[in-house]
Amino acid sequence: MQASIWECTLTACPLEERQHGDGLLTMNLLNVLAAWHESVEWFLGEHGISARLEVSPDDGRPKASMWLILRRGHVEGELLLWETGEAELNTVRPDGGVSQEHRQVNSLAELAAALDSLLKAVA
């Protein structure tokens, strides 16, 4: 059976993309997070939410990571995602209160749920 060019497998794996013998492309969730940020940054800005994506330096660290920071007014939310799928969801509320939640993100659905929580925190 020939794979569609639209099919892909999303996993917590090293940053590089891999082409499998069955024609499916495995993408790292960090790449998906970067693509999501690039595709919605303008839209979020139009709704008063600033979005910034930071990438860990390639300096020999054992795990690459990215962190997405969303800010609206005095509310800030951050999703920190490592290539292993470990994630931290942090929010700072206007009253100074802080919320921290550890998650394991190993699929597109889990990444979407984390992004949804992040957006709700700053909305």
Protein backbone atom coordinates (compact mmCIF):
# COMPACT_ATOMS: atom_id res chain seq x y z
CA MET A 1 0.00 0.00 0.00
CA GLN A 2 1.42 3.38 -0.99
CA ALA A 3 1.48 6.02 1.75
CA SER A 4 -0.09 9.39 1.08
CA ILE A 5 2.27 12.35 1.10
CA TRP A 6 0.03 13.77 3.85
CA GLU A 7 0.65 10.89 6.25
CA CYS A 8 3.32 11.26 8.86
CA THR A 9 4.23 9.81 12.21
CA LEU A 10 4.95 12.17 15.07
CA THR A 11 7.17 10.96 17.87
CA ALA A 12 9.48 12.18 20.56
CA CYS A 13 12.75 11.40 18.78
CA PRO A 14 15.96 13.21 17.86
CA LEU A 15 15.62 16.42 15.88
CA GLU A 16 16.44 15.07 12.47
CA GLU A 17 13.68 13.91 10.18
CA ARG A 18 13.78 10.32 9.03
CA GLN A 19 12.40 8.71 5.90
CA HIS A 20 11.17 5.19 6.54
CA GLY A 21 11.02 2.39 3.98
CA ASP A 22 7.23 2.57 3.98
CA GLY A 23 7.38 6.16 2.68
CA LEU A 24 6.22 7.79 5.90
CA LEU A 25 8.14 10.72 7.30
CA THR A 26 8.77 10.81 11.03
CA MET A 27 8.94 14.35 12.36
CA ASN A 28 10.13 15.39 15.77
CA LEU A 29 7.54 17.15 17.91
CA LEU A 30 9.96 20.07 18.26
CA ASN A 31 9.69 20.58 14.49
CA VAL A 32 5.91 20.51 14.77
CA LEU A 33 5.98 23.08 17.58
CA ALA A 34 8.17 25.36 15.44
CA ALA A 35 5.84 24.98 12.46
CA TRP A 36 2.79 25.67 14.66
CA HIS A 37 4.39 28.84 16.01
CA GLU A 38 5.31 30.07 12.54
CA SER A 39 1.82 29.41 11.22
CA VAL A 40 -0.12 31.17 14.02
CA GLU A 41 2.23 33.92 15.23
CA TRP A 42 0.59 36.62 13.08
CA PHE A 43 -2.94 35.47 13.96
CA LEU A 44 -2.16 35.50 17.69
CA GLY A 45 -0.65 38.97 17.37
CA GLU A 46 -3.84 40.22 15.74
CA HIS A 47 -5.66 39.05 18.89
CA GLY A 48 -3.29 40.73 21.33
CA ILE A 49 -1.14 37.69 22.13
CA SER A 50 2.59 37.94 21.57
CA ALA A 51 4.30 34.66 20.73
CA ARG A 52 8.01 33.94 20.93
CA LEU A 53 9.78 30.64 20.28
CA GLU A 54 13.24 29.97 21.69
CA VAL A 55 15.52 27.04 20.83
CA SER A 56 18.20 25.53 23.05
CA PRO A 57 21.71 26.10 21.71
CA ASP A 58 23.46 23.26 19.92
CA ASP A 59 26.22 23.09 22.51
CA GLY A 60 26.32 19.42 23.37
CA ARG A 61 23.39 19.38 25.78
CA PRO A 62 21.99 15.88 26.21
CA LYS A 63 18.44 16.92 25.17
CA ALA A 64 17.43 19.58 22.68
CA SER A 65 14.47 21.73 23.65
CA MET A 66 12.23 24.58 22.58
CA TRP A 67 10.08 26.86 24.62
CA LEU A 68 7.08 28.78 23.41
CA ILE A 69 6.16 31.90 25.36
CA LEU A 70 2.74 33.48 24.91
CA ARG A 71 1.92 36.78 26.57
CA ARG A 72 -1.27 38.80 26.71
CA GLY A 73 -1.30 41.81 28.98
CA HIS A 74 0.00 40.74 32.37
CA VAL A 75 -0.54 37.02 31.79
CA GLU A 76 2.28 34.88 30.47
CA GLY A 77 2.35 31.20 29.59
CA GLU A 78 5.25 29.01 28.58
CA LEU A 79 5.45 25.54 27.12
CA LEU A 80 8.90 24.03 27.46
CA LEU A 81 9.31 20.89 25.33
CA TRP A 82 12.30 18.57 25.18
CA GLU A 83 13.01 16.18 22.30
CA THR A 84 12.34 13.31 24.72
CA GLY A 85 8.70 14.41 25.03
CA GLU A 86 9.09 15.83 28.53
CA ALA A 87 7.22 19.09 28.87
CA GLU A 88 6.55 21.82 31.39
CA LEU A 89 3.55 24.11 31.15
CA ASN A 90 4.02 27.25 33.23
CA THR A 91 1.74 30.26 33.64
CA VAL A 92 2.06 33.52 35.53
CA ARG A 93 -1.20 35.28 36.34
CA PRO A 94 -1.71 39.04 36.83
CA ASP A 95 -1.90 38.55 40.62
CA GLY A 96 1.59 37.03 40.54
CA GLY A 97 0.34 33.50 41.02
CA VAL A 98 2.30 30.79 39.25
CA SER A 99 1.09 27.47 37.91
CA GLN A 100 3.45 24.68 36.87
CA GLU A 101 2.48 21.37 35.32
CA HIS A 102 4.69 18.55 34.11
CA ARG A 103 3.46 16.58 31.08
CA GLN A 104 4.67 13.86 28.80
CA VAL A 105 4.08 14.80 25.16
CA ASN A 106 4.60 11.86 22.81
CA SER A 107 1.98 12.44 20.14
CA LEU A 108 0.41 15.15 18.06
CA ALA A 109 -2.76 14.89 20.17
CA GLU A 110 -0.78 15.44 23.38
CA LEU A 111 1.04 18.41 21.85
CA ALA A 112 -2.28 19.86 20.68
CA ALA A 113 -3.70 19.43 24.21
CA ALA A 114 -0.67 21.21 25.72
CA LEU A 115 -0.98 24.07 23.23
CA ASP A 116 -4.70 24.31 23.95
CA SER A 117 -3.98 24.61 27.70
CA LEU A 118 -1.35 27.26 26.98
CA LEU A 119 -3.73 29.29 24.83
CA LYS A 120 -6.51 29.05 27.43
CA ALA A 121 -4.11 30.27 30.11
CA VAL A 122 -3.40 33.52 28.24
CA ALA A 123 -6.81 34.07 26.62
